[in-house]
């Protein structure tokens, strides 16, 4: 009987924590900065309105830059663009889960001013 009580108490504690960690909330928390800092420290999804890792990879990842690289440097062959993204893109910094952000379409127009704002 005590085993079932311990299992029930464990579930009562675990289920709300798992729900908070993995399901997005419908509301904004009272202290958003502290909640966001805690979620980032625990390496959870940052919250509603922030990009997911899939979204970061799709828009700012290595393959995203490779998809757009033919318009940026059409003279480079595909194999050079695939093996060396630094030949046609600029590293902007790191995002959630240390995902590298690359930009090829902005080129040198906006990136130098932006580069000083991003911490590595």
N, C-alpha and C. Protein backbone atom coordinates (compact mmCIF):
# COMPACT_ATOMS: atom_id res chain seq x y z
N UNK A 1 0.81 -1.19 0.00
CA UNK A 1 0.00 0.00 0.00
C UNK A 1 0.86 1.27 0.00
N UNK A 2 1.94 1.26 0.77
CA UNK A 2 2.80 2.44 0.80
C UNK A 2 3.55 2.63 -0.53
N UNK A 3 3.79 1.54 -1.24
CA UNK A 3 4.45 1.65 -2.55
C UNK A 3 3.56 2.42 -3.51
N UNK A 4 2.26 2.11 -3.49
CA UNK A 4 1.33 2.81 -4.38
C UNK A 4 1.22 4.28 -4.00
N UNK A 5 1.27 4.56 -2.71
CA UNK A 5 1.20 5.95 -2.26
C UNK A 5 2.43 6.73 -2.72
N UNK A 6 3.61 6.11 -2.65
CA UNK A 6 4.83 6.77 -3.12
C UNK A 6 4.80 7.00 -4.62
N UNK A 7 4.31 6.01 -5.36
CA UNK A 7 4.20 6.16 -6.82
C UNK A 7 3.21 7.27 -7.15
N UNK A 8 2.08 7.32 -6.43
CA UNK A 8 1.10 8.37 -6.67
C UNK A 8 1.66 9.76 -6.35
N UNK A 9 2.40 9.88 -5.27
CA UNK A 9 3.01 11.16 -4.93
C UNK A 9 4.04 11.57 -5.97
N UNK A 10 4.80 10.60 -6.45
CA UNK A 10 5.78 10.90 -7.51
C UNK A 10 5.11 11.38 -8.78
N UNK A 11 3.98 10.77 -9.15
CA UNK A 11 3.25 11.20 -10.34
C UNK A 11 2.64 12.58 -10.15
N UNK A 12 2.17 12.86 -8.94
CA UNK A 12 1.57 14.16 -8.66
C UNK A 12 2.61 15.27 -8.82
N UNK A 13 3.84 14.99 -8.50
CA UNK A 13 4.91 15.99 -8.66
C UNK A 13 5.44 16.02 -10.09
N UNK A 14 5.59 14.87 -10.71
CA UNK A 14 6.23 14.77 -12.02
C UNK A 14 5.36 15.29 -13.15
N UNK A 15 4.08 15.00 -13.14
CA UNK A 15 3.19 15.37 -14.26
C UNK A 15 3.12 16.89 -14.44
N UNK A 16 2.89 17.69 -13.40
CA UNK A 16 2.88 19.15 -13.64
C UNK A 16 4.24 19.70 -14.10
N UNK A 17 5.33 19.16 -13.58
CA UNK A 17 6.65 19.62 -14.04
C UNK A 17 6.88 19.28 -15.51
N UNK A 18 6.50 18.07 -15.93
CA UNK A 18 6.65 17.68 -17.33
C UNK A 18 5.74 18.52 -18.22
N UNK A 19 4.55 18.80 -17.74
CA UNK A 19 3.63 19.63 -18.52
C UNK A 19 4.20 21.04 -18.70
N UNK A 20 4.76 21.62 -17.64
CA UNK A 20 5.37 22.94 -17.72
C UNK A 20 6.58 22.95 -18.65
N UNK A 21 7.34 21.86 -18.64
CA UNK A 21 8.59 21.82 -19.40
C UNK A 21 8.36 21.60 -20.89
N UNK A 22 7.39 20.77 -21.25
CA UNK A 22 7.29 20.35 -22.65
C UNK A 22 6.08 20.87 -23.40
N UNK A 23 5.07 21.36 -22.73
CA UNK A 23 3.90 21.89 -23.42
C UNK A 23 3.90 23.42 -23.32
N UNK A 24 3.66 24.10 -24.44
CA UNK A 24 3.65 25.57 -24.38
C UNK A 24 2.43 26.07 -23.61
N UNK A 25 2.61 27.14 -22.88
CA UNK A 25 1.53 27.70 -22.08
C UNK A 25 0.66 28.62 -22.93
N UNK A 26 -0.58 28.77 -22.53
CA UNK A 26 -1.49 29.66 -23.24
C UNK A 26 -1.37 31.10 -22.76
N UNK A 27 -0.75 31.30 -21.65
CA UNK A 27 -0.67 32.62 -21.05
C UNK A 27 0.80 33.04 -20.92
N UNK A 28 0.99 34.32 -20.70
CA UNK A 28 2.33 34.82 -20.42
C UNK A 28 2.56 34.80 -18.92
N UNK A 29 3.71 34.34 -18.46
CA UNK A 29 3.96 34.29 -17.02
C UNK A 29 4.11 35.69 -16.42
N UNK A 30 3.92 35.77 -15.12
CA UNK A 30 4.00 37.06 -14.44
C UNK A 30 5.38 37.69 -14.55
N UNK A 31 6.41 36.95 -14.26
CA UNK A 31 7.78 37.45 -14.37
C UNK A 31 8.42 36.77 -15.58
N UNK A 32 8.26 37.39 -16.75
CA UNK A 32 8.68 36.75 -17.99
C UNK A 32 10.19 36.57 -18.09
N UNK A 33 10.95 37.53 -17.61
CA UNK A 33 12.41 37.44 -17.73
C UNK A 33 12.95 36.27 -16.91
N UNK A 34 12.47 36.13 -15.67
CA UNK A 34 12.95 35.04 -14.83
C UNK A 34 12.54 33.69 -15.40
N UNK A 35 11.30 33.59 -15.88
CA UNK A 35 10.83 32.33 -16.46
C UNK A 35 11.63 31.97 -17.71
N UNK A 36 11.88 32.96 -18.56
CA UNK A 36 12.65 32.70 -19.77
C UNK A 36 14.08 32.28 -19.43
N UNK A 37 14.70 32.95 -18.47
CA UNK A 37 16.06 32.58 -18.06
C UNK A 37 16.10 31.14 -17.54
N UNK A 38 15.11 30.76 -16.74
CA UNK A 38 15.06 29.40 -16.20
C UNK A 38 14.86 28.38 -17.30
N UNK A 39 13.98 28.67 -18.24
CA UNK A 39 13.72 27.73 -19.33
C UNK A 39 14.96 27.57 -20.21
N UNK A 40 15.67 28.65 -20.45
CA UNK A 40 16.89 28.55 -21.26
C UNK A 40 17.99 27.82 -20.51
N UNK A 41 18.07 28.03 -19.19
CA UNK A 41 19.07 27.32 -18.39
C UNK A 41 18.81 25.82 -18.41
N UNK A 42 17.54 25.43 -18.37
CA UNK A 42 17.18 24.01 -18.39
C UNK A 42 17.16 23.44 -19.80
N UNK A 43 17.48 24.27 -20.78
CA UNK A 43 17.52 23.90 -22.20
C UNK A 43 16.17 23.39 -22.70
N UNK A 44 15.11 24.05 -22.29
CA UNK A 44 13.78 23.77 -22.77
C UNK A 44 13.45 24.73 -23.89
N UNK A 45 12.30 24.54 -24.54
CA UNK A 45 11.92 25.50 -25.57
C UNK A 45 11.67 26.83 -24.90
N UNK A 46 12.12 27.94 -25.48
CA UNK A 46 12.05 29.24 -24.80
C UNK A 46 10.63 29.68 -24.48
N UNK A 47 9.68 29.36 -25.30
CA UNK A 47 8.31 29.76 -25.01
C UNK A 47 7.59 30.19 -26.27
N UNK A 48 6.41 30.71 -26.07
CA UNK A 48 5.56 31.11 -27.17
C UNK A 48 6.17 32.32 -27.90
N UNK A 49 6.19 32.27 -29.22
CA UNK A 49 6.69 33.38 -30.01
C UNK A 49 8.16 33.29 -30.37
N UNK A 50 8.91 32.35 -29.80
CA UNK A 50 10.32 32.18 -30.12
C UNK A 50 10.47 31.07 -31.16
N UNK A 51 11.54 31.13 -31.91
CA UNK A 51 11.79 30.13 -32.94
C UNK A 51 12.19 28.80 -32.32
N UNK A 52 11.71 27.72 -32.91
CA UNK A 52 12.12 26.39 -32.48
C UNK A 52 13.45 26.05 -33.14
N UNK A 53 14.04 24.94 -32.74
CA UNK A 53 15.31 24.52 -33.34
C UNK A 53 15.09 24.18 -34.81
N UNK A 54 13.95 23.56 -35.13
CA UNK A 54 13.65 23.27 -36.53
C UNK A 54 13.53 24.56 -37.34
N UNK A 55 12.87 25.56 -36.80
CA UNK A 55 12.74 26.84 -37.49
C UNK A 55 14.07 27.54 -37.68
N UNK A 56 14.93 27.46 -36.66
CA UNK A 56 16.27 28.04 -36.79
C UNK A 56 17.06 27.33 -37.88
N UNK A 57 16.99 26.01 -37.91
CA UNK A 57 17.73 25.25 -38.90
C UNK A 57 17.20 25.53 -40.30
N UNK A 58 15.88 25.67 -40.42
CA UNK A 58 15.26 25.89 -41.73
C UNK A 58 15.62 27.26 -42.30
N UNK A 59 15.65 28.30 -41.45
CA UNK A 59 15.90 29.66 -41.93
C UNK A 59 17.36 30.07 -41.89
N UNK A 60 18.13 29.61 -40.87
CA UNK A 60 19.47 30.13 -40.65
C UNK A 60 20.55 29.06 -40.63
N UNK A 61 20.21 27.82 -40.93
CA UNK A 61 21.18 26.73 -40.86
C UNK A 61 22.05 26.62 -42.10
N UNK A 62 22.91 25.62 -42.06
CA UNK A 62 23.86 25.41 -43.15
C UNK A 62 23.15 25.05 -44.46
N UNK A 63 22.12 24.20 -44.39
CA UNK A 63 21.40 23.82 -45.60
C UNK A 63 20.55 24.96 -46.15
N UNK A 64 20.07 25.84 -45.26
CA UNK A 64 19.30 26.99 -45.73
C UNK A 64 20.19 27.92 -46.55
N UNK A 65 21.41 28.12 -46.08
CA UNK A 65 22.35 28.96 -46.82
C UNK A 65 22.74 28.28 -48.13
N UNK A 66 22.87 26.96 -48.11
CA UNK A 66 23.20 26.22 -49.33
C UNK A 66 22.07 26.35 -50.36
N UNK A 67 20.81 26.34 -49.89
CA UNK A 67 19.68 26.51 -50.81
C UNK A 67 19.71 27.86 -51.51
N UNK A 68 20.11 28.91 -50.80
CA UNK A 68 20.11 30.26 -51.37
C UNK A 68 21.45 30.66 -51.98
N UNK A 69 22.46 29.81 -51.87
CA UNK A 69 23.82 30.23 -52.25
C UNK A 69 24.02 30.36 -53.76
N UNK A 70 23.19 29.74 -54.55
CA UNK A 70 23.37 29.86 -56.00
C UNK A 70 23.12 31.29 -56.46
N UNK A 71 22.23 32.01 -55.78
CA UNK A 71 21.98 33.40 -56.15
C UNK A 71 23.06 34.33 -55.61
N UNK A 72 23.73 33.91 -54.53
CA UNK A 72 24.74 34.77 -53.93
C UNK A 72 26.06 34.67 -54.68
N UNK A 73 26.54 33.44 -54.86
CA UNK A 73 27.80 33.21 -55.58
C UNK A 73 27.56 32.19 -56.68
N UNK A 74 27.02 32.59 -57.81
CA UNK A 74 26.72 31.62 -58.87
C UNK A 74 27.96 31.01 -59.51
N UNK A 75 29.11 31.65 -59.34
CA UNK A 75 30.32 31.13 -59.98
C UNK A 75 30.90 29.92 -59.23
N UNK A 76 30.54 29.74 -57.96
CA UNK A 76 31.07 28.59 -57.20
C UNK A 76 30.32 27.32 -57.57
N UNK A 77 31.03 26.21 -57.77
CA UNK A 77 30.35 24.95 -58.01
C UNK A 77 29.61 24.47 -56.75
N UNK A 78 28.66 23.59 -56.93
CA UNK A 78 27.84 23.10 -55.82
C UNK A 78 28.68 22.42 -54.75
N UNK A 79 29.67 21.64 -55.15
CA UNK A 79 30.45 20.89 -54.16
C UNK A 79 31.27 21.84 -53.28
N UNK A 80 31.74 22.96 -53.82
CA UNK A 80 32.48 23.93 -53.00
C UNK A 80 31.53 24.62 -52.03
N UNK A 81 30.33 24.97 -52.52
CA UNK A 81 29.36 25.61 -51.64
C UNK A 81 28.89 24.67 -50.54
N UNK A 82 28.79 23.38 -50.83
CA UNK A 82 28.33 22.41 -49.83
C UNK A 82 29.40 22.14 -48.77
N UNK A 83 30.66 22.09 -49.17
CA UNK A 83 31.73 21.75 -48.23
C UNK A 83 32.25 22.95 -47.45
N UNK A 84 32.11 24.14 -48.01
CA UNK A 84 32.66 25.32 -47.35
C UNK A 84 31.62 26.44 -47.32
N UNK A 85 30.78 26.45 -46.29
CA UNK A 85 29.77 27.52 -46.24
C UNK A 85 30.38 28.90 -46.00
N UNK A 86 31.60 28.96 -45.49
CA UNK A 86 32.22 30.27 -45.26
C UNK A 86 32.59 30.97 -46.57
N UNK A 87 32.56 30.25 -47.69
CA UNK A 87 32.87 30.86 -48.98
C UNK A 87 31.74 31.76 -49.47
N UNK A 88 30.53 31.56 -48.94
CA UNK A 88 29.39 32.34 -49.44
C UNK A 88 28.45 32.82 -48.34
N UNK A 89 28.82 32.63 -47.07
CA UNK A 89 27.94 33.07 -45.99
C UNK A 89 28.75 33.63 -44.83
N UNK A 90 28.05 34.25 -43.89
CA UNK A 90 28.67 34.87 -42.74
C UNK A 90 28.08 34.26 -41.48
N UNK A 91 28.92 33.92 -40.52
CA UNK A 91 28.46 33.38 -39.24
C UNK A 91 27.96 34.53 -38.37
N UNK A 92 26.69 34.46 -37.95
CA UNK A 92 26.11 35.54 -37.15
C UNK A 92 26.27 35.32 -35.66
N UNK A 93 26.25 34.08 -35.22
CA UNK A 93 26.35 33.80 -33.79
C UNK A 93 25.67 32.49 -33.46
N UNK A 94 25.35 32.33 -32.20
CA UNK A 94 24.71 31.10 -31.73
C UNK A 94 23.34 31.41 -31.17
N UNK A 95 22.42 30.47 -31.33
CA UNK A 95 21.06 30.63 -30.83
C UNK A 95 20.77 29.51 -29.84
N UNK A 96 19.52 29.19 -29.68
CA UNK A 96 19.06 28.18 -28.74
C UNK A 96 19.74 26.84 -29.01
N UNK A 97 20.20 26.17 -27.95
CA UNK A 97 20.94 24.90 -28.00
C UNK A 97 22.20 25.03 -28.84
N UNK A 98 22.83 26.19 -28.82
CA UNK A 98 24.08 26.48 -29.51
C UNK A 98 24.01 26.21 -31.02
N UNK A 99 22.85 26.42 -31.59
CA UNK A 99 22.66 26.25 -33.02
C UNK A 99 23.29 27.44 -33.74
N UNK A 100 24.19 27.16 -34.67
CA UNK A 100 24.88 28.23 -35.39
C UNK A 100 23.97 28.92 -36.38
N UNK A 101 24.04 30.22 -36.43
CA UNK A 101 23.24 31.01 -37.37
C UNK A 101 24.13 31.53 -38.48
N UNK A 102 23.76 31.22 -39.71
CA UNK A 102 24.50 31.68 -40.88
C UNK A 102 23.61 32.57 -41.71
N UNK A 103 24.19 33.53 -42.39
CA UNK A 103 23.44 34.39 -43.28
C UNK A 103 24.21 34.54 -44.57
N UNK A 104 23.52 34.33 -45.64
CA UNK A 104 24.15 34.50 -46.93
C UNK A 104 23.49 35.59 -47.74
N UNK A 105 22.20 35.84 -47.48
CA UNK A 105 21.47 36.81 -48.30
C UNK A 105 21.76 38.24 -47.88
N UNK A 106 22.08 38.48 -46.62
CA UNK A 106 22.37 39.84 -46.19
C UNK A 106 23.73 40.30 -46.67
N UNK A 107 24.63 39.35 -46.78
CA UNK A 107 25.97 39.68 -47.26
C UNK A 107 26.70 40.58 -46.30
N UNK A 108 27.41 41.55 -46.84
CA UNK A 108 28.21 42.45 -46.01
C UNK A 108 27.49 43.75 -45.70
N UNK A 109 26.21 43.87 -46.05
CA UNK A 109 25.51 45.14 -45.88
C UNK A 109 25.10 45.38 -44.43
N UNK A 110 24.49 44.38 -43.79
CA UNK A 110 23.96 44.55 -42.45
C UNK A 110 24.81 43.84 -41.41
N UNK A 111 25.48 42.80 -41.81
CA UNK A 111 26.15 41.91 -40.87
C UNK A 111 27.25 42.57 -40.03
N UNK A 112 28.12 43.42 -40.57
CA UNK A 112 29.18 43.97 -39.69
C UNK A 112 28.64 44.74 -38.49
N UNK A 113 27.57 45.48 -38.64
CA UNK A 113 27.00 46.16 -37.49
C UNK A 113 26.31 45.21 -36.55
N UNK A 114 25.75 44.13 -37.08
CA UNK A 114 25.05 43.15 -36.29
C UNK A 114 26.01 42.24 -35.54
N UNK A 115 27.17 42.04 -36.09
CA UNK A 115 28.13 41.10 -35.53
C UNK A 115 28.62 41.51 -34.15
N UNK A 116 28.68 42.79 -33.88
CA UNK A 116 29.16 43.26 -32.60
C UNK A 116 28.12 43.06 -31.51
N UNK A 117 26.85 42.90 -31.88
CA UNK A 117 25.77 42.72 -30.91
C UNK A 117 25.64 41.27 -30.46
N UNK A 118 26.09 40.32 -31.28
CA UNK A 118 25.90 38.90 -30.99
C UNK A 118 27.09 38.42 -30.16
N UNK A 119 26.81 37.78 -29.04
CA UNK A 119 27.91 37.25 -28.21
C UNK A 119 28.16 35.80 -28.58
N UNK A 120 29.40 35.40 -28.54
CA UNK A 120 29.73 34.02 -28.88
C UNK A 120 29.90 33.18 -27.65
